[in-house]
Amino acid sequence: MTQIISDAEAFAQLCAELERAEVVGLDTEFLRERTYFAQLCLLQLAAGPTAVCVDPLALPSLGALRGTMAARGVRKVLHAARQDLEVLAPQVGPASGLFDTQVAAALIGLPAQVGYADLVQQLLGVSLAKGQTRTDWSRRPLSAAQLSYALDDVRYLLPLHDQLRARLERLGRWHWFEEEMAGLDAAGSYETDPEQAWRRIRGVAELDPARQALARALAAWRERRAISADRPRSWILPDAALRDLVLHAPRTGAELSAIAELPEGIRTNSGAQLLALIEAAQLPAQLPPLPPRRRPDPAQVEAVRALAKLTQQAGQEIGVAPEILATRRELERLVAGVREGGPLAGWRREVIGARLLQAL
């Protein structure tokens, strides 16, 4: 088979073959530096001994792949899958039957964020070439060296799948992995709700209700503008500028000009809209003082430290990185009284959750 498919008929034939496969390797190459939505530039697929690139820039649609992506009986193998799935979802829909090799590797005791090349080296003894890491995948034609590099990203996924599954089963951790993949399957279309964009802004929960409402309004406005223009959020309004607008709530052009983090171009082109959003928020004439920076409670700090030590010990006992069992943020939430999710859910509860609760 040719190294790259750029013909709709050939792609449809490939997808029909993939729907009959048991395991399919999948990877993508994309660009995102200048856009809100990632530009899918190359799709790599592997099934059995065959690995091939697909040129999405030459095809009218990738819709023929929808059946394979939705088929739970076709195992889709990816490494660090979330970004690839986010990029693919608008064109091929949600995926099910996923196998993330990075997650599997973490559950057998390798580093939590092990890279694909390192995993191939450790488990298969193969050193991958690194010469195309800065390739602009949107440029055509792609060279033989570029295609070979791209195909390497999928040709080893199926052997990794076989080794990782065998080791998970041998360790009695296959059900752990299935729980993790069920969560990944449920991630859906990865669509962003502009009304929830404020959650990206750090420290909003500590502000007074008026400033919180303004943060929600500004974040939603930025998200809609970014989506509409297909430009990065930071091009519409940098995070630092958004935070300053929320904290100081300028009401006039002069006050807006005093926001040091607001770029001049954004002030010129969008200043009137920003002031209108602030006015529409109906803030009180005199905003309450900003909350003082909270110092960590010594008792809580000590409690988190004790839980972290316990998590470290548990990780050493079973040979996995402690952050796989519970992140520091999850431990902080536990100390703060949260009793759901994280180390208290699923397989983690039996491995570490009950011990953490007993230690509180």
Protein backbone atom coordinates (compact mmCIF):
# COMPACT_ATOMS: atom_id res chain seq x y z
CA MET A 1 0.00 0.00 0.00
CA THR A 2 1.16 3.54 -0.73
CA GLN A 3 2.62 5.53 2.18
CA ILE A 4 -0.01 8.29 1.96
CA ILE A 5 -3.66 8.24 0.90
CA SER A 6 -5.06 11.42 -0.62
CA ASP A 7 -7.90 9.93 -2.67
CA ALA A 8 -11.44 9.64 -1.26
CA GLU A 9 -12.09 6.23 -2.83
CA ALA A 10 -8.86 4.76 -1.45
CA PHE A 11 -9.65 6.23 1.97
CA ALA A 12 -13.14 4.71 1.97
CA GLN A 13 -11.64 1.31 1.09
CA LEU A 14 -9.14 1.65 3.95
CA CYS A 15 -11.90 2.53 6.42
CA ALA A 16 -13.93 -0.50 5.35
CA GLU A 17 -10.91 -2.68 6.12
CA LEU A 18 -10.36 -0.98 9.46
CA GLU A 19 -13.95 -1.71 10.55
CA ARG A 20 -13.11 -5.42 10.26
CA ALA A 21 -9.90 -5.13 12.29
CA GLU A 22 -9.60 -6.04 15.96
CA VAL A 23 -6.95 -3.44 16.83
CA VAL A 24 -6.09 -0.17 15.05
CA GLY A 25 -3.20 2.18 15.84
CA LEU A 26 -3.88 5.87 15.42
CA ASP A 27 -1.95 9.14 15.63
CA THR A 28 -2.26 12.68 14.26
CA GLU A 29 -0.08 15.61 13.28
CA PHE A 30 -1.66 19.04 13.65
CA LEU A 31 -0.98 22.76 14.00
CA ARG A 32 -2.53 25.05 16.57
CA GLU A 33 -0.22 28.02 17.15
CA ARG A 34 -2.31 30.55 15.23
CA THR A 35 -5.83 29.13 15.52
CA TYR A 36 -8.44 28.23 18.14
CA PHE A 37 -9.26 24.95 16.44
CA ALA A 38 -6.38 22.62 15.72
CA GLN A 39 -5.69 22.14 12.01
CA LEU A 40 -5.46 18.42 11.35
CA CYS A 41 -2.60 18.00 8.88
CA LEU A 42 -1.95 14.27 8.84
CA LEU A 43 -3.63 11.12 10.12
CA GLN A 44 -1.63 7.93 10.63
CA LEU A 45 -3.31 4.54 10.90
CA ALA A 46 -2.02 1.02 11.47
CA ALA A 47 -3.77 -2.35 11.33
CA GLY A 48 -1.96 -5.69 11.25
CA PRO A 49 1.30 -5.27 9.32
CA THR A 50 0.02 -2.21 7.45
CA ALA A 51 0.73 1.40 8.40
CA VAL A 52 -0.38 4.29 6.25
CA CYS A 53 -0.72 8.08 6.34
CA VAL A 54 -3.92 9.83 5.32
CA ASP A 55 -3.85 13.39 3.97
CA PRO A 56 -6.88 15.20 5.44
CA LEU A 57 -5.93 18.37 3.55
CA ALA A 58 -6.58 16.59 0.25
CA LEU A 59 -9.79 14.80 1.24
CA PRO A 60 -13.27 16.35 1.28
CA SER A 61 -14.10 14.58 4.55
CA LEU A 62 -12.88 12.01 7.05
CA GLY A 63 -16.44 10.86 7.67
CA ALA A 64 -15.71 7.35 6.39
CA LEU A 65 -13.72 6.77 9.58
CA ARG A 66 -16.72 7.37 11.86
CA GLY A 67 -17.75 3.72 11.90
CA THR A 68 -14.33 2.56 13.06
CA MET A 69 -14.07 5.25 15.74
CA ALA A 70 -17.50 4.45 17.16
CA ALA A 71 -17.10 0.65 17.03
CA ARG A 72 -16.43 -0.61 20.54
CA GLY A 73 -15.26 -3.94 19.10
CA VAL A 74 -12.39 -2.24 17.25
CA ARG A 75 -9.71 -1.34 19.77
CA LYS A 76 -8.19 2.06 18.95
CA VAL A 77 -4.62 2.35 20.27
CA LEU A 78 -3.15 5.82 20.83
CA HIS A 79 -0.42 7.33 22.98
CA ALA A 80 -1.49 10.24 25.22
CA ALA A 81 -4.82 10.10 23.42
CA ARG A 82 -6.70 13.21 24.56
CA GLN A 83 -5.18 15.71 22.15
CA ASP A 84 -5.56 13.40 19.17
CA LEU A 85 -9.18 12.69 20.07
CA GLU A 86 -9.91 16.39 20.54
CA VAL A 87 -8.47 17.14 17.10
CA LEU A 88 -10.32 14.26 15.41
CA ALA A 89 -13.71 14.55 17.11
CA PRO A 90 -15.13 17.37 14.92
CA GLN A 91 -14.48 15.28 11.81
CA VAL A 92 -15.03 11.69 12.92
CA GLY A 93 -17.22 11.98 16.02
CA PRO A 94 -16.68 10.49 19.48
CA ALA A 95 -14.55 7.40 19.93
CA SER A 96 -15.01 4.24 21.99
CA GLY A 97 -12.94 1.13 22.60
CA LEU A 98 -9.81 3.15 23.38
CA PHE A 99 -6.41 1.94 24.55
CA ASP A 100 -4.04 4.69 25.70
CA THR A 101 -0.50 3.31 25.86
CA GLN A 102 0.66 6.13 28.15
CA VAL A 103 -2.01 5.28 30.72
CA ALA A 104 -1.26 1.57 30.44
CA ALA A 105 2.45 2.20 30.90
CA ALA A 106 1.82 4.22 34.05
CA LEU A 107 -0.23 1.40 35.55
CA ILE A 108 2.60 -1.11 35.09
CA GLY A 109 5.04 1.19 36.87
CA LEU A 110 6.59 3.42 34.21
CA PRO A 111 6.66 7.24 34.61
CA ALA A 112 3.20 8.83 34.57
CA GLN A 113 3.93 10.93 31.48
CA VAL A 114 6.27 8.58 29.64
CA GLY A 115 6.78 9.66 26.03
CA TYR A 116 6.05 7.44 23.04
CA ALA A 117 9.70 7.23 21.91
CA ASP A 118 10.88 6.32 25.42
CA LEU A 119 8.17 3.67 25.70
CA VAL A 120 9.12 2.13 22.35
CA GLN A 121 12.76 2.08 23.44
CA GLN A 122 12.03 0.54 26.85
CA LEU A 123 9.55 -2.13 25.78
CA LEU A 124 10.57 -2.88 22.20
CA GLY A 125 14.24 -1.91 22.13
CA VAL A 126 13.75 0.35 19.10
CA SER A 127 15.25 3.85 18.87
CA LEU A 128 13.03 6.22 16.90
CA ALA A 129 14.41 8.99 14.70
CA LYS A 130 13.89 12.54 15.97
CA GLY A 131 14.78 14.51 12.86
CA GLN A 132 11.27 15.75 11.99
CA THR A 133 10.10 17.08 15.37
CA ARG A 134 9.86 20.65 14.01
CA THR A 135 8.15 19.76 10.74
CA ASP A 136 5.40 22.02 9.41
CA TRP A 137 2.92 19.25 8.64
CA SER A 138 0.67 21.59 6.67
CA ARG A 139 3.21 22.00 3.85
CA ARG A 140 2.99 19.83 0.79
CA PRO A 141 4.46 17.69 -0.60
CA LEU A 142 5.70 15.72 2.39
CA SER A 143 9.07 14.07 1.92
CA ALA A 144 9.76 10.37 2.27
CA ALA A 145 11.66 11.13 5.49
CA GLN A 146 8.67 12.99 6.92
CA LEU A 147 6.28 10.19 6.03
CA SER A 148 8.61 7.58 7.50
CA TYR A 149 8.83 9.58 10.73
CA ALA A 150 5.05 9.92 10.88
CA LEU A 151 4.50 6.22 10.25
CA ASP A 152 6.88 5.34 13.09
CA ASP A 153 4.35 7.02 15.39
CA VAL A 154 1.81 4.26 14.67
CA ARG A 155 3.74 1.23 13.45
CA TYR A 156 4.81 0.35 17.02
CA LEU A 157 1.46 1.01 18.72
CA LEU A 158 0.13 -2.50 18.14
CA PRO A 159 3.21 -4.30 19.56
CA LEU A 160 3.04 -1.91 22.54
CA HIS A 161 -0.63 -2.76 22.99
CA ASP A 162 0.15 -6.47 23.11
CA GLN A 163 2.97 -6.11 25.63
CA LEU A 164 1.16 -3.64 27.85
CA ARG A 165 -2.05 -5.66 27.95
CA ALA A 166 -0.14 -8.82 28.84
CA ARG A 167 1.68 -7.07 31.68
CA LEU A 168 -1.49 -5.45 33.01
CA GLU A 169 -3.20 -8.82 33.09
CA ARG A 170 -0.20 -10.47 34.71
CA LEU A 171 -0.19 -7.81 37.44
CA GLY A 172 -3.93 -8.14 37.96
CA ARG A 173 -4.46 -4.52 36.92
CA TRP A 174 -6.48 -4.93 33.74
CA HIS A 175 -9.65 -3.82 35.53
CA TRP A 176 -7.81 -0.67 36.67
CA PHE A 177 -7.03 0.11 33.06
CA GLU A 178 -10.57 -0.59 31.91
CA GLU A 179 -11.85 1.95 34.43
CA GLU A 180 -9.42 4.55 33.10
CA MET A 181 -10.47 3.88 29.50
CA ALA A 182 -14.15 4.06 30.39
CA GLY A 183 -13.52 7.63 31.50
CA LEU A 184 -11.68 8.38 28.27
CA ASP A 185 -14.49 6.84 26.19
CA ALA A 186 -16.96 9.08 28.01
CA ALA A 187 -15.04 12.26 27.20
CA GLY A 188 -17.26 12.73 24.12
CA SER A 189 -16.88 15.47 21.53
CA TYR A 190 -14.56 17.78 23.50
CA GLU A 191 -16.75 20.76 22.66
CA THR A 192 -16.17 23.89 24.75
CA ASP A 193 -19.06 25.64 26.46
CA PRO A 194 -18.25 29.39 26.51
CA GLU A 195 -20.33 29.77 29.67
CA GLN A 196 -17.89 27.48 31.47
CA ALA A 197 -14.73 29.15 30.17
CA TRP A 198 -14.29 31.14 33.41
CA ARG A 199 -13.18 27.93 35.10
CA ARG A 200 -9.83 28.32 33.34
CA ILE A 201 -9.13 31.50 35.30
CA ARG A 202 -7.23 30.90 38.49
CA GLY A 203 -8.48 32.39 41.74
CA VAL A 204 -12.02 33.27 40.63
CA ALA A 205 -13.60 31.30 43.48
CA GLU A 206 -11.83 33.54 46.01
CA LEU A 207 -13.30 36.79 44.62
CA ASP A 208 -16.46 38.60 45.68
CA PRO A 209 -19.68 37.73 43.78
CA ALA A 210 -19.56 40.88 41.62
CA ARG A 211 -16.06 40.15 40.34
CA GLN A 212 -16.95 36.50 39.84
CA ALA A 213 -19.86 37.51 37.61
CA LEU A 214 -17.58 39.80 35.61
CA ALA A 215 -15.02 37.01 35.20
CA ARG A 216 -17.72 34.75 33.80
CA ALA A 217 -18.91 37.41 31.36
CA LEU A 218 -15.42 38.31 30.11
CA ALA A 219 -14.33 34.68 29.77
CA ALA A 220 -17.49 33.78 27.82
CA TRP A 221 -17.02 36.80 25.53
CA ARG A 222 -13.40 35.86 24.88
CA GLU A 223 -14.30 32.22 24.16
CA ARG A 224 -17.02 33.17 21.67
CA ARG A 225 -14.74 35.64 19.90
CA ALA A 226 -11.93 33.06 19.73
CA ILE A 227 -14.26 30.42 18.31
CA SER A 228 -15.82 32.81 15.80
CA ALA A 229 -12.48 34.15 14.57
CA ASP A 230 -10.67 30.79 14.95
CA ARG A 231 -7.86 32.48 16.82
CA PRO A 232 -6.12 31.57 20.10
CA ARG A 233 -7.75 32.89 23.27
CA SER A 234 -4.64 34.87 24.11
CA TRP A 235 -4.94 36.79 20.84
CA ILE A 236 -8.42 37.91 21.83
CA LEU A 237 -7.55 38.73 25.44
CA PRO A 238 -4.49 37.46 27.36
CA ASP A 239 -5.14 35.76 30.68
CA ALA A 240 -3.19 38.42 32.59
CA ALA A 241 -5.27 41.20 31.03
CA LEU A 242 -8.52 39.38 31.76
CA ARG A 243 -7.52 38.98 35.41
CA ASP A 244 -6.65 42.68 35.68
CA LEU A 245 -9.98 43.67 34.13
CA VAL A 246 -11.78 41.50 36.67
CA LEU A 247 -9.79 42.86 39.61
CA HIS A 248 -9.97 46.56 38.72
CA ALA A 249 -13.17 46.77 36.61
CA PRO A 250 -12.32 49.94 34.63
CA ARG A 251 -15.36 52.08 33.77
CA THR A 252 -13.79 54.66 31.44
CA GLY A 253 -11.35 54.73 28.55
CA ALA A 254 -8.72 56.31 30.80
CA GLU A 255 -9.13 53.58 33.40
CA LEU A 256 -8.97 50.97 30.65
CA SER A 257 -5.69 52.47 29.42
CA ALA A 258 -4.29 52.04 32.91
CA ILE A 259 -4.57 48.24 32.63
CA ALA A 260 -0.91 47.50 32.02
CA GLU A 261 -1.44 43.93 30.82
CA LEU A 262 -3.93 44.93 28.11
CA PRO A 263 -2.16 45.12 24.71
CA GLU A 264 -2.65 48.36 22.80
CA GLY A 265 -4.14 46.59 19.77
CA ILE A 266 -6.81 44.90 21.87
CA ARG A 267 -7.53 48.17 23.69
CA THR A 268 -8.01 49.95 20.36
CA ASN A 269 -10.09 47.27 18.64
CA SER A 270 -12.07 45.84 21.53
CA GLY A 271 -11.93 48.48 24.25
CA ALA A 272 -15.50 49.65 23.71
CA GLN A 273 -16.81 46.08 23.92
CA LEU A 274 -14.86 45.40 27.10
CA LEU A 275 -16.23 48.54 28.73
CA ALA A 276 -19.74 47.59 27.62
CA LEU A 277 -19.34 44.16 29.19
CA ILE A 278 -18.18 45.72 32.45
CA GLU A 279 -21.12 48.13 32.41
CA ALA A 280 -23.56 45.30 31.68
CA ALA A 281 -22.23 43.43 34.71
CA GLN A 282 -23.86 46.15 36.86
CA LEU A 283 -21.05 46.24 39.37
CA PRO A 284 -21.42 48.37 42.49
CA ALA A 285 -19.92 51.84 42.22
CA GLN A 286 -17.45 50.93 44.92
CA LEU A 287 -16.10 47.42 44.60
CA PRO A 288 -15.23 45.63 47.83
CA PRO A 289 -11.53 45.41 48.61
CA LEU A 290 -9.67 42.50 47.13
CA PRO A 291 -9.42 39.57 49.51
CA PRO A 292 -6.06 39.36 51.27
CA ARG A 293 -3.82 36.61 50.09
CA ARG A 294 -4.71 33.64 52.19
CA ARG A 295 -1.87 32.01 54.02
CA PRO A 296 -1.96 28.23 54.07
CA ASP A 297 -3.44 26.82 57.23
CA PRO A 298 -0.55 25.05 59.01
CA ALA A 299 -2.78 22.16 60.09
CA GLN A 300 -4.02 21.63 56.53
CA VAL A 301 -0.50 21.85 55.12
CA GLU A 302 0.65 19.20 57.58
CA ALA A 303 -2.35 17.00 56.77
CA VAL A 304 -1.64 17.20 53.05
CA ARG A 305 2.02 16.42 53.69
CA ALA A 306 1.06 13.34 55.71
CA LEU A 307 -1.32 12.11 53.00
CA ALA A 308 1.33 12.71 50.34
CA LYS A 309 3.80 10.61 52.33
CA LEU A 310 1.21 7.84 52.64
CA THR A 311 0.53 8.02 48.89
CA GLN A 312 4.27 7.84 48.20
CA GLN A 313 4.54 4.72 50.34
CA ALA A 314 1.56 3.09 48.63
CA GLY A 315 3.05 3.84 45.23
CA GLN A 316 6.35 2.25 46.23
CA GLU A 317 4.55 -0.83 47.53
CA ILE A 318 2.85 -1.53 44.20
CA GLY A 319 5.47 0.02 41.92
CA VAL A 320 3.59 2.96 40.39
CA ALA A 321 4.21 6.69 40.49
CA PRO A 322 2.33 8.24 43.45
CA GLU A 323 0.61 10.85 41.24
CA ILE A 324 -1.18 7.95 39.52
CA LEU A 325 -2.85 7.18 42.85
CA ALA A 326 -3.60 10.76 43.92
CA THR A 327 -2.42 14.18 42.81
CA ARG A 328 -1.53 16.88 45.30
CA ARG A 329 -4.63 18.82 44.29
CA GLU A 330 -6.77 15.77 45.05
CA LEU A 331 -5.12 15.42 48.46
CA GLU A 332 -5.80 19.10 49.18
CA ARG A 333 -9.45 18.61 48.26
CA LEU A 334 -9.61 15.57 50.52
CA VAL A 335 -8.22 17.55 53.45
CA ALA A 336 -10.74 20.31 52.66
CA GLY A 337 -13.59 17.84 53.09
CA VAL A 338 -14.35 16.63 49.55
CA ARG A 339 -15.38 12.99 49.66
CA GLU A 340 -15.87 12.06 46.03
CA GLY A 341 -13.82 11.30 42.95
CA GLY A 342 -10.04 11.04 42.67
CA PRO A 343 -8.52 8.53 45.12
CA LEU A 344 -11.96 7.74 46.56
CA ALA A 345 -13.36 6.36 43.31
CA GLY A 346 -12.98 3.02 41.56
CA TRP A 347 -9.82 0.98 41.88
CA ARG A 348 -7.98 3.83 43.60
CA ARG A 349 -10.30 3.59 46.59
CA GLU A 350 -9.25 0.02 47.28
CA VAL A 351 -5.56 0.78 46.73
CA ILE A 352 -5.19 4.12 48.54
CA GLY A 353 -8.52 5.83 49.23
CA ALA A 354 -9.50 3.89 52.33
CA ARG A 355 -6.04 4.41 53.82
CA LEU A 356 -6.21 8.14 53.19
CA LEU A 357 -9.58 8.42 54.87
CA GLN A 358 -8.34 6.44 57.86
CA ALA A 359 -5.34 8.79 58.16
CA LEU A 360 -7.48 11.96 58.33
